[in-house]
Amino acid sequence: MTKKIAGRILLAITLSVGITYATPMDPNTRMGKVKEIFTKYGADSFKILNGQGVGGTGIASESGKGNLEGLQGDIATVINAEDGNSFIFCVADGKWVVYPPEPMKLGTSAMTATDAMGKPFVDTMIKALRGTEDGKAHRVPYVVQTPDGRTQEREATVWSSKNLLSRKNNTGQKFFCGVSVKAHP
């Protein structure tokens, strides 16, 4: 009788700990979800990742490429980090096309962006991508200044357009996307 009760208690503890301490999505898994969206929707993925949908406003597709309702949960997971620690970003033709931390930057030049140490942010990501064979750069370091004036080490996992589209990029835009996380959470 006591073994049966002890077994039930152990099971209950295991289940509650598993639910309470769910780990955030790692950068490669998050980028894999971004890739699924790009593979299906191509350049329209920028609109989707900014919450605009395809062919207009909202989440439903009007372009005949399929309904996005099934992806809505995945999109929310990709855009919003569970721990508030990470975010996605995309740069196309040198401009911010997805940048949740500062949506007002959308459409502005990303090429002039520097990190807190004065290092060119986008150029660093592009150089890291050029140094890979598979179009995936991992743990690219940079430093940001937090709103309270402290510096914070961060790193980005960046994937090229060819990798995200699973084919040659024929969208007419040169782009890459990445996930930024704290370097030492």
N, C-alpha and C. Protein backbone atom coordinates (compact mmCIF):
# COMPACT_ATOMS: atom_id res chain seq x y z
N MET A 1 0.82 -1.19 0.00
CA MET A 1 0.00 0.00 0.00
C MET A 1 0.86 1.25 0.00
N THR A 2 1.92 1.29 0.79
CA THR A 2 2.76 2.48 0.86
C THR A 2 3.56 2.67 -0.43
N LYS A 3 3.95 1.58 -1.11
CA LYS A 3 4.66 1.71 -2.38
C LYS A 3 3.75 2.34 -3.43
N LYS A 4 2.48 1.97 -3.40
CA LYS A 4 1.52 2.51 -4.35
C LYS A 4 1.33 4.02 -4.12
N ILE A 5 1.21 4.44 -2.88
CA ILE A 5 1.05 5.86 -2.55
C ILE A 5 2.31 6.62 -2.90
N ALA A 6 3.47 6.04 -2.56
CA ALA A 6 4.74 6.70 -2.87
C ALA A 6 4.91 6.86 -4.37
N GLY A 7 4.50 5.88 -5.14
CA GLY A 7 4.57 5.95 -6.61
C GLY A 7 3.69 7.06 -7.15
N ARG A 8 2.48 7.20 -6.59
CA ARG A 8 1.56 8.25 -7.03
C ARG A 8 2.10 9.64 -6.68
N ILE A 9 2.69 9.76 -5.51
CA ILE A 9 3.27 11.04 -5.09
C ILE A 9 4.44 11.40 -6.02
N LEU A 10 5.31 10.42 -6.32
CA LEU A 10 6.43 10.67 -7.21
C LEU A 10 5.95 11.08 -8.60
N LEU A 11 4.93 10.43 -9.11
CA LEU A 11 4.36 10.78 -10.41
C LEU A 11 3.81 12.21 -10.38
N ALA A 12 3.08 12.56 -9.32
CA ALA A 12 2.50 13.90 -9.20
C ALA A 12 3.60 14.97 -9.14
N ILE A 13 4.66 14.70 -8.41
CA ILE A 13 5.77 15.65 -8.32
C ILE A 13 6.45 15.80 -9.67
N THR A 14 6.69 14.68 -10.35
CA THR A 14 7.32 14.72 -11.67
C THR A 14 6.49 15.53 -12.65
N LEU A 15 5.19 15.30 -12.68
CA LEU A 15 4.33 16.04 -13.59
C LEU A 15 4.30 17.53 -13.27
N SER A 16 4.21 17.87 -12.00
CA SER A 16 4.13 19.29 -11.65
C SER A 16 5.44 20.01 -11.92
N VAL A 17 6.58 19.36 -11.69
CA VAL A 17 7.87 19.98 -11.96
C VAL A 17 8.03 20.16 -13.47
N GLY A 18 7.63 19.17 -14.25
CA GLY A 18 7.73 19.25 -15.70
C GLY A 18 6.91 20.39 -16.25
N ILE A 19 5.76 20.66 -15.70
CA ILE A 19 4.91 21.74 -16.17
C ILE A 19 5.42 23.08 -15.68
N THR A 20 5.83 23.15 -14.44
CA THR A 20 6.28 24.41 -13.85
C THR A 20 7.57 24.91 -14.47
N TYR A 21 8.48 24.03 -14.80
CA TYR A 21 9.78 24.44 -15.28
C TYR A 21 9.97 24.13 -16.75
N ALA A 22 8.99 24.45 -17.58
CA ALA A 22 9.12 24.26 -19.02
C ALA A 22 10.22 25.17 -19.53
N THR A 23 11.09 24.63 -20.38
CA THR A 23 12.21 25.43 -20.88
C THR A 23 11.78 26.24 -22.10
N PRO A 24 12.35 27.43 -22.25
CA PRO A 24 12.04 28.25 -23.42
C PRO A 24 12.54 27.59 -24.70
N MET A 25 11.99 27.97 -25.82
CA MET A 25 12.39 27.43 -27.10
C MET A 25 13.81 27.90 -27.43
N ASP A 26 14.69 26.95 -27.78
CA ASP A 26 16.06 27.34 -28.10
C ASP A 26 16.10 28.03 -29.47
N PRO A 27 17.15 28.82 -29.74
CA PRO A 27 17.20 29.60 -30.98
C PRO A 27 17.07 28.77 -32.26
N ASN A 28 17.67 27.60 -32.31
CA ASN A 28 17.59 26.79 -33.53
C ASN A 28 16.18 26.27 -33.76
N THR A 29 15.49 25.89 -32.70
CA THR A 29 14.09 25.45 -32.84
C THR A 29 13.23 26.62 -33.31
N ARG A 30 13.45 27.79 -32.73
CA ARG A 30 12.71 28.99 -33.13
C ARG A 30 12.97 29.31 -34.60
N MET A 31 14.22 29.22 -35.04
CA MET A 31 14.54 29.48 -36.44
C MET A 31 13.95 28.40 -37.35
N GLY A 32 13.85 27.18 -36.85
CA GLY A 32 13.19 26.13 -37.62
C GLY A 32 11.73 26.47 -37.88
N LYS A 33 11.06 27.05 -36.89
CA LYS A 33 9.67 27.49 -37.06
C LYS A 33 9.59 28.64 -38.07
N VAL A 34 10.54 29.57 -38.00
CA VAL A 34 10.59 30.67 -38.97
C VAL A 34 10.77 30.08 -40.38
N LYS A 35 11.64 29.08 -40.50
CA LYS A 35 11.87 28.43 -41.79
C LYS A 35 10.60 27.80 -42.34
N GLU A 36 9.80 27.15 -41.47
CA GLU A 36 8.53 26.57 -41.91
C GLU A 36 7.63 27.65 -42.53
N ILE A 37 7.60 28.81 -41.90
CA ILE A 37 6.77 29.91 -42.40
C ILE A 37 7.31 30.40 -43.74
N PHE A 38 8.64 30.60 -43.86
CA PHE A 38 9.23 31.07 -45.11
C PHE A 38 9.08 30.04 -46.22
N THR A 39 9.22 28.76 -45.90
CA THR A 39 9.09 27.72 -46.92
C THR A 39 7.70 27.75 -47.54
N LYS A 40 6.71 28.02 -46.72
CA LYS A 40 5.33 28.02 -47.21
C LYS A 40 4.90 29.35 -47.82
N TYR A 41 5.35 30.47 -47.26
CA TYR A 41 4.82 31.78 -47.66
C TYR A 41 5.83 32.72 -48.31
N GLY A 42 7.11 32.32 -48.42
CA GLY A 42 8.11 33.15 -49.09
C GLY A 42 8.23 34.52 -48.46
N ALA A 43 8.33 35.55 -49.31
CA ALA A 43 8.54 36.92 -48.84
C ALA A 43 7.34 37.45 -48.04
N ASP A 44 6.16 36.85 -48.19
CA ASP A 44 5.00 37.25 -47.38
C ASP A 44 5.23 36.95 -45.89
N SER A 45 6.25 36.17 -45.60
CA SER A 45 6.55 35.81 -44.21
C SER A 45 6.88 37.02 -43.36
N PHE A 46 7.44 38.07 -43.96
CA PHE A 46 7.73 39.29 -43.20
C PHE A 46 6.43 39.86 -42.64
N LYS A 47 5.39 39.91 -43.46
CA LYS A 47 4.10 40.43 -43.01
C LYS A 47 3.55 39.55 -41.89
N ILE A 48 3.66 38.25 -42.07
CA ILE A 48 3.15 37.29 -41.08
C ILE A 48 3.86 37.49 -39.75
N LEU A 49 5.20 37.59 -39.79
CA LEU A 49 5.98 37.74 -38.56
C LEU A 49 5.76 39.08 -37.88
N ASN A 50 5.23 40.05 -38.63
CA ASN A 50 4.86 41.35 -38.05
C ASN A 50 3.39 41.39 -37.68
N GLY A 51 2.68 40.24 -37.79
CA GLY A 51 1.28 40.15 -37.38
C GLY A 51 0.30 40.72 -38.39
N GLN A 52 0.73 40.93 -39.64
CA GLN A 52 -0.14 41.53 -40.64
C GLN A 52 -0.88 40.52 -41.49
N GLY A 53 -0.46 39.28 -41.53
CA GLY A 53 -1.11 38.29 -42.38
C GLY A 53 -0.66 38.40 -43.82
N VAL A 54 -1.29 37.61 -44.69
CA VAL A 54 -0.93 37.57 -46.09
C VAL A 54 -2.06 38.18 -46.91
N GLY A 55 -1.73 39.00 -47.87
CA GLY A 55 -2.74 39.55 -48.77
C GLY A 55 -3.61 40.61 -48.12
N GLY A 56 -3.20 41.17 -47.03
CA GLY A 56 -3.99 42.19 -46.36
C GLY A 56 -3.76 42.14 -44.87
N THR A 57 -4.78 42.46 -44.12
CA THR A 57 -4.64 42.46 -42.67
C THR A 57 -5.22 41.19 -42.09
N GLY A 58 -4.91 40.93 -40.87
CA GLY A 58 -5.44 39.74 -40.19
C GLY A 58 -4.59 38.53 -40.47
N ILE A 59 -4.98 37.41 -39.90
CA ILE A 59 -4.17 36.21 -39.99
C ILE A 59 -4.59 35.31 -41.15
N ALA A 60 -5.79 35.46 -41.69
CA ALA A 60 -6.26 34.60 -42.77
C ALA A 60 -5.65 35.02 -44.10
N SER A 61 -5.35 34.05 -44.93
CA SER A 61 -4.75 34.32 -46.23
C SER A 61 -5.81 34.60 -47.27
N GLU A 62 -5.57 35.63 -48.07
CA GLU A 62 -6.45 35.92 -49.19
C GLU A 62 -5.77 35.60 -50.50
N SER A 63 -4.53 35.16 -50.47
CA SER A 63 -3.75 34.98 -51.69
C SER A 63 -3.82 33.57 -52.23
N GLY A 64 -4.59 32.70 -51.62
CA GLY A 64 -4.71 31.34 -52.11
C GLY A 64 -3.57 30.44 -51.69
N LYS A 65 -2.68 30.91 -50.84
CA LYS A 65 -1.54 30.10 -50.40
C LYS A 65 -1.88 29.24 -49.20
N GLY A 66 -3.09 29.28 -48.74
CA GLY A 66 -3.47 28.46 -47.59
C GLY A 66 -3.87 29.31 -46.42
N ASN A 67 -4.54 28.69 -45.47
CA ASN A 67 -5.03 29.39 -44.30
C ASN A 67 -3.97 29.41 -43.22
N LEU A 68 -3.77 30.54 -42.59
CA LEU A 68 -2.74 30.69 -41.57
C LEU A 68 -3.23 30.36 -40.17
N GLU A 69 -4.51 30.09 -40.02
CA GLU A 69 -5.04 29.87 -38.67
C GLU A 69 -4.31 28.75 -37.95
N GLY A 70 -3.94 27.70 -38.67
CA GLY A 70 -3.21 26.60 -38.06
C GLY A 70 -1.82 27.01 -37.59
N LEU A 71 -1.25 28.01 -38.24
CA LEU A 71 0.08 28.49 -37.88
C LEU A 71 0.03 29.57 -36.81
N GLN A 72 -1.14 30.09 -36.48
CA GLN A 72 -1.24 31.22 -35.57
C GLN A 72 -0.52 30.96 -34.25
N GLY A 73 -0.71 29.78 -33.67
CA GLY A 73 -0.03 29.45 -32.41
C GLY A 73 1.47 29.40 -32.58
N ASP A 74 1.93 28.80 -33.70
CA ASP A 74 3.37 28.75 -33.95
C ASP A 74 3.94 30.14 -34.14
N ILE A 75 3.22 31.00 -34.85
CA ILE A 75 3.70 32.36 -35.08
C ILE A 75 3.84 33.10 -33.76
N ALA A 76 2.84 32.97 -32.90
CA ALA A 76 2.92 33.62 -31.58
C ALA A 76 4.10 33.09 -30.78
N THR A 77 4.36 31.80 -30.87
CA THR A 77 5.49 31.19 -30.16
C THR A 77 6.81 31.70 -30.71
N VAL A 78 6.89 31.87 -32.03
CA VAL A 78 8.12 32.35 -32.66
C VAL A 78 8.39 33.80 -32.28
N ILE A 79 7.35 34.62 -32.31
CA ILE A 79 7.52 36.05 -32.06
C ILE A 79 7.73 36.35 -30.58
N ASN A 80 6.97 35.71 -29.71
CA ASN A 80 7.01 36.02 -28.29
C ASN A 80 7.76 34.96 -27.51
N ALA A 81 8.88 35.33 -26.92
CA ALA A 81 9.66 34.40 -26.11
C ALA A 81 8.94 34.15 -24.79
N GLU A 82 8.96 32.91 -24.36
CA GLU A 82 8.31 32.55 -23.10
C GLU A 82 8.94 33.26 -21.91
N ASP A 83 10.24 33.51 -22.00
CA ASP A 83 10.95 34.09 -20.86
C ASP A 83 11.26 35.58 -21.06
N GLY A 84 10.80 36.17 -22.15
CA GLY A 84 11.07 37.57 -22.41
C GLY A 84 12.52 37.86 -22.75
N ASN A 85 13.30 36.81 -22.96
CA ASN A 85 14.73 36.93 -23.16
C ASN A 85 15.13 37.03 -24.63
N SER A 86 14.32 36.52 -25.54
CA SER A 86 14.76 36.47 -26.93
C SER A 86 13.74 37.13 -27.86
N PHE A 87 14.21 37.46 -29.05
CA PHE A 87 13.33 38.01 -30.07
C PHE A 87 13.89 37.66 -31.44
N ILE A 88 13.02 37.69 -32.45
CA ILE A 88 13.48 37.46 -33.82
C ILE A 88 13.68 38.81 -34.49
N PHE A 89 14.46 38.78 -35.57
CA PHE A 89 14.65 39.97 -36.38
C PHE A 89 14.95 39.53 -37.81
N CYS A 90 14.59 40.35 -38.77
CA CYS A 90 14.90 40.09 -40.17
C CYS A 90 15.34 41.39 -40.82
N VAL A 91 16.32 41.27 -41.70
CA VAL A 91 16.83 42.40 -42.47
C VAL A 91 16.73 42.02 -43.94
N ALA A 92 16.10 42.88 -44.74
CA ALA A 92 15.98 42.65 -46.18
C ALA A 92 16.46 43.90 -46.91
N ASP A 93 17.35 43.69 -47.88
CA ASP A 93 17.91 44.80 -48.66
C ASP A 93 18.41 45.92 -47.76
N GLY A 94 19.03 45.54 -46.63
CA GLY A 94 19.64 46.50 -45.73
C GLY A 94 18.68 47.24 -44.81
N LYS A 95 17.40 46.85 -44.79
CA LYS A 95 16.41 47.52 -43.94
C LYS A 95 15.78 46.53 -42.97
N TRP A 96 15.39 47.04 -41.81
CA TRP A 96 14.67 46.20 -40.84
C TRP A 96 13.29 45.87 -41.42
N VAL A 97 12.95 44.59 -41.51
CA VAL A 97 11.61 44.19 -41.96
C VAL A 97 10.86 43.45 -40.85
N VAL A 98 11.57 42.93 -39.87
CA VAL A 98 10.98 42.37 -38.65
C VAL A 98 11.90 42.77 -37.52
N TYR A 99 11.35 43.51 -36.54
CA TYR A 99 12.16 43.94 -35.40
C TYR A 99 11.23 44.29 -34.23
N PRO A 100 10.74 43.27 -33.51
CA PRO A 100 9.79 43.50 -32.42
C PRO A 100 10.25 44.45 -31.31
N PRO A 101 11.55 44.51 -30.96
CA PRO A 101 11.91 45.42 -29.88
C PRO A 101 11.59 46.89 -30.19
N GLU A 102 11.70 47.27 -31.45
CA GLU A 102 11.43 48.66 -31.84
C GLU A 102 10.70 48.68 -33.19
N PRO A 103 9.38 48.44 -33.20
CA PRO A 103 8.62 48.37 -34.46
C PRO A 103 8.72 49.64 -35.30
N MET A 104 9.02 50.76 -34.69
CA MET A 104 9.14 52.01 -35.46
C MET A 104 10.36 51.99 -36.39
N LYS A 105 11.28 51.05 -36.18
CA LYS A 105 12.45 50.94 -37.05
C LYS A 105 12.15 50.22 -38.36
N LEU A 106 11.00 49.57 -38.46
CA LEU A 106 10.68 48.83 -39.69
C LEU A 106 10.78 49.76 -40.89
N GLY A 107 11.48 49.28 -41.92
CA GLY A 107 11.66 50.06 -43.13
C GLY A 107 12.84 51.02 -43.09
N THR A 108 13.48 51.16 -41.93
CA THR A 108 14.65 52.05 -41.83
C THR A 108 15.93 51.26 -42.04
N SER A 109 17.01 51.94 -42.30
CA SER A 109 18.28 51.29 -42.56
C SER A 109 18.77 50.51 -41.35
N ALA A 110 19.11 49.26 -41.60
CA ALA A 110 19.70 48.42 -40.55
C ALA A 110 21.22 48.44 -40.66
N MET A 111 21.71 48.92 -41.79
CA MET A 111 23.15 48.89 -42.05
C MET A 111 23.93 49.84 -41.14
N THR A 112 23.26 50.83 -40.58
CA THR A 112 23.96 51.78 -39.70
C THR A 112 23.89 51.36 -38.24
N ALA A 113 23.15 50.29 -37.94
CA ALA A 113 23.01 49.85 -36.55
C ALA A 113 24.33 49.33 -36.01
N THR A 114 24.66 49.78 -34.80
CA THR A 114 25.86 49.30 -34.12
C THR A 114 25.47 48.76 -32.75
N ASP A 115 26.31 47.89 -32.22
CA ASP A 115 26.05 47.42 -30.87
C ASP A 115 26.61 48.44 -29.87
N ALA A 116 26.52 48.15 -28.59
CA ALA A 116 26.94 49.08 -27.55
C ALA A 116 28.45 49.35 -27.57
N MET A 117 29.21 48.51 -28.24
CA MET A 117 30.66 48.68 -28.33
C MET A 117 31.06 49.38 -29.64
N GLY A 118 30.05 49.77 -30.45
CA GLY A 118 30.32 50.45 -31.71
C GLY A 118 30.56 49.51 -32.88
N LYS A 119 30.39 48.22 -32.67
CA LYS A 119 30.60 47.23 -33.73
C LYS A 119 29.36 47.20 -34.63
N PRO A 120 29.53 47.20 -35.97
CA PRO A 120 28.37 47.19 -36.87
C PRO A 120 27.59 45.88 -36.73
N PHE A 121 26.33 45.98 -36.32
CA PHE A 121 25.51 44.82 -36.02
C PHE A 121 25.24 43.97 -37.26
N VAL A 122 24.64 44.56 -38.30
CA VAL A 122 24.24 43.80 -39.49
C VAL A 122 25.46 43.27 -40.22
N ASP A 123 26.50 44.08 -40.34
CA ASP A 123 27.72 43.64 -41.01
C ASP A 123 28.32 42.43 -40.30
N THR A 124 28.27 42.42 -38.97
CA THR A 124 28.76 41.28 -38.20
C THR A 124 27.97 40.02 -38.52
N MET A 125 26.64 40.15 -38.63
CA MET A 125 25.79 38.99 -38.95
C MET A 125 26.07 38.49 -40.37
N ILE A 126 26.22 39.42 -41.32
CA ILE A 126 26.48 39.04 -42.72
C ILE A 126 27.84 38.32 -42.83
N LYS A 127 28.86 38.86 -42.17
CA LYS A 127 30.18 38.21 -42.20
C LYS A 127 30.12 36.81 -41.60
N ALA A 128 29.35 36.66 -40.51
CA ALA A 128 29.22 35.34 -39.88
C ALA A 128 28.53 34.36 -40.83
N LEU A 129 27.51 34.82 -41.55
CA LEU A 129 26.81 33.96 -42.52
C LEU A 129 27.72 33.57 -43.68
N ARG A 130 28.50 34.51 -44.16
CA ARG A 130 29.41 34.23 -45.28
C ARG A 130 30.46 33.20 -44.91
N GLY A 131 30.75 33.08 -43.63
CA GLY A 131 31.74 32.13 -43.15
C GLY A 131 31.19 30.72 -42.93
N THR A 132 29.94 30.48 -43.33
CA THR A 132 29.35 29.15 -43.15
C THR A 132 29.04 28.51 -44.49
N GLU A 133 29.00 27.19 -44.50
CA GLU A 133 28.63 26.47 -45.71
C GLU A 133 27.12 26.24 -45.80
N ASP A 134 26.46 26.16 -44.65
CA ASP A 134 25.03 25.81 -44.64
C ASP A 134 24.09 27.00 -44.48
N GLY A 135 24.65 28.22 -44.44
CA GLY A 135 23.79 29.40 -44.31
C GLY A 135 23.23 29.59 -42.92
N LYS A 136 23.91 29.01 -41.91
CA LYS A 136 23.49 29.14 -40.52
C LYS A 136 24.69 29.58 -39.68
N ALA A 137 24.56 30.74 -39.03
CA ALA A 137 25.62 31.20 -38.13
C ALA A 137 25.09 31.12 -36.71
N HIS A 138 25.85 30.51 -35.81
CA HIS A 138 25.41 30.28 -34.45
C HIS A 138 26.23 31.10 -33.46
N ARG A 139 25.55 31.58 -32.43
CA ARG A 139 26.20 32.26 -31.31
C ARG A 139 27.10 33.42 -31.74
N VAL A 140 26.57 34.28 -32.60
CA VAL A 140 27.30 35.47 -33.05
C VAL A 140 27.18 36.51 -31.93
N PRO A 141 28.30 36.88 -31.30
CA PRO A 141 28.23 37.76 -30.12
C PRO A 141 28.08 39.24 -30.48
N TYR A 142 27.35 39.95 -29.62
CA TYR A 142 27.27 41.41 -29.69
C TYR A 142 26.82 41.91 -28.32
N VAL A 143 26.90 43.22 -28.12
CA VAL A 143 26.60 43.82 -26.82
C VAL A 143 25.54 44.92 -27.02
N VAL A 144 24.55 44.96 -26.12
CA VAL A 144 23.53 46.01 -26.17
C VAL A 144 23.58 46.81 -24.87
N GLN A 145 23.03 48.00 -24.94
CA GLN A 145 22.87 48.80 -23.73
C GLN A 145 21.41 48.70 -23.31
N THR A 146 21.18 48.32 -22.06
CA THR A 146 19.82 48.18 -21.55
C THR A 146 19.25 49.56 -21.22
N PRO A 147 17.93 49.67 -21.09
CA PRO A 147 17.33 50.97 -20.78
C PRO A 147 17.88 51.64 -19.52
N ASP A 148 18.37 50.81 -18.57
CA ASP A 148 18.92 51.40 -17.34
C ASP A 148 20.41 51.72 -17.45
N GLY A 149 20.98 51.60 -18.67
CA GLY A 149 22.37 52.01 -18.89
C GLY A 149 23.41 50.91 -18.76
N ARG A 150 23.02 49.72 -18.34
CA ARG A 150 23.98 48.62 -18.24
C ARG A 150 24.24 48.02 -19.62
N THR A 151 25.37 47.35 -19.78
CA THR A 151 25.61 46.61 -21.02
C THR A 151 25.24 45.16 -20.79
N GLN A 152 24.78 44.53 -21.84
CA GLN A 152 24.36 43.13 -21.75
C GLN A 152 24.93 42.39 -22.95
N GLU A 153 25.60 41.28 -22.69
CA GLU A 153 26.11 40.44 -23.76
C GLU A 153 24.97 39.62 -24.32
N ARG A 154 24.85 39.62 -25.65
CA ARG A 154 23.82 38.85 -26.33
C ARG A 154 24.48 38.06 -27.46
N GLU A 155 23.76 37.12 -27.99
CA GLU A 155 24.25 36.38 -29.15
C GLU A 155 23.09 36.09 -30.07
N ALA A 156 23.41 35.99 -31.35
CA ALA A 156 22.38 35.76 -32.36
C ALA A 156 22.65 34.47 -33.10
N THR A 157 21.58 33.78 -33.43
CA THR A 157 21.61 32.66 -34.36
C THR A 157 20.96 33.20 -35.62
N VAL A 158 21.69 33.17 -36.73
CA VAL A 158 21.25 33.82 -37.96
C VAL A 158 21.22 32.82 -39.11
N TRP A 159 20.14 32.85 -39.91
CA TRP A 159 19.99 31.96 -41.06
C TRP A 159 19.81 32.79 -42.32
N SER A 160 20.44 32.37 -43.40
CA SER A 160 20.35 33.09 -44.67
C SER A 160 19.01 32.84 -45.36
N SER A 161 18.72 33.67 -46.36
CA SER A 161 17.47 33.54 -47.10
C SER A 161 17.39 32.18 -47.81
N LYS A 162 18.48 31.74 -48.40
CA LYS A 162 18.48 30.45 -49.09
C LYS A 162 18.13 29.32 -48.13
N ASN A 163 18.66 29.39 -46.92
CA ASN A 163 18.35 28.38 -45.91
C ASN A 163 16.90 28.47 -45.49
N LEU A 164 16.40 29.68 -45.26
CA LEU A 164 15.02 29.85 -44.80
C LEU A 164 14.00 29.42 -45.85
N LEU A 165 14.31 29.66 -47.11
CA LEU A 165 13.37 29.33 -48.20
C LEU A 165 13.50 27.87 -48.65
N SER A 166 14.56 27.20 -48.25
CA SER A 166 14.86 25.82 -48.68
C SER A 166 15.03 25.73 -50.19
N ARG A 167 15.45 26.82 -50.79
CA ARG A 167 15.68 26.87 -52.22
C ARG A 167 16.47 28.14 -52.51
N LYS A 168 16.84 28.30 -53.78
CA LYS A 168 17.51 29.54 -54.17
C LYS A 168 16.56 30.70 -53.92
N ASN A 169 17.08 31.80 -53.42
CA ASN A 169 16.27 32.98 -53.14
C ASN A 169 15.90 33.67 -54.46
N ASN A 170 14.61 33.59 -54.81
CA ASN A 170 14.13 34.26 -56.02
C ASN A 170 13.07 35.31 -55.68
N THR A 171 13.14 35.84 -54.47
CA THR A 171 12.13 36.80 -54.01
C THR A 171 12.42 38.22 -54.49
N GLY A 172 13.62 38.45 -55.01
CA GLY A 172 14.00 39.80 -55.40
C GLY A 172 14.57 40.60 -54.24
N GLN A 173 14.68 40.00 -53.06
CA GLN A 173 15.24 40.66 -51.89
C GLN A 173 16.38 39.83 -51.32
N LYS A 174 17.44 40.49 -50.91
CA LYS A 174 18.49 39.81 -50.16
C LYS A 174 18.12 39.96 -48.70
N PHE A 175 18.00 38.84 -47.98
CA PHE A 175 17.59 38.94 -46.58
C PHE A 175 18.15 37.82 -45.73
N PHE A 176 18.09 38.05 -44.43
CA PHE A 176 18.41 37.02 -43.44
C PHE A 176 17.55 37.30 -42.22
N CYS A 177 17.37 36.29 -41.40
CA CYS A 177 16.64 36.42 -40.15
C CYS A 177 17.46 35.80 -39.02
N GLY A 178 17.18 36.22 -37.82
CA GLY A 178 17.90 35.68 -36.69
C GLY A 178 17.09 35.73 -35.40
N VAL A 179 17.62 35.09 -34.40
CA VAL A 179 17.05 35.11 -33.05
C VAL A 179 18.14 35.64 -32.13
N SER A 180 17.79 36.62 -31.33
CA SER A 180 18.73 37.19 -30.37
C SER A 180 18.37 36.70 -28.97
N VAL A 181 19.36 36.26 -28.21
CA VAL A 181 19.16 35.82 -26.82
C VAL A 181 20.27 36.38 -25.94
N LYS A 182 20.02 36.42 -24.64
CA LYS A 182 21.08 36.79 -23.70
C LYS A 182 22.17 35.74 -23.80
N ALA A 183 23.43 36.19 -23.79
CA ALA A 183 24.54 35.26 -23.91
C ALA A 183 24.68 34.38 -22.68
N HIS A 184 24.36 34.94 -21.52
CA HIS A 184 24.48 34.19 -20.27
C HIS A 184 23.20 34.38 -19.46
N PRO A 185 22.14 33.65 -19.83
CA PRO A 185 20.86 33.88 -19.13
C PRO A 185 20.90 33.51 -17.67
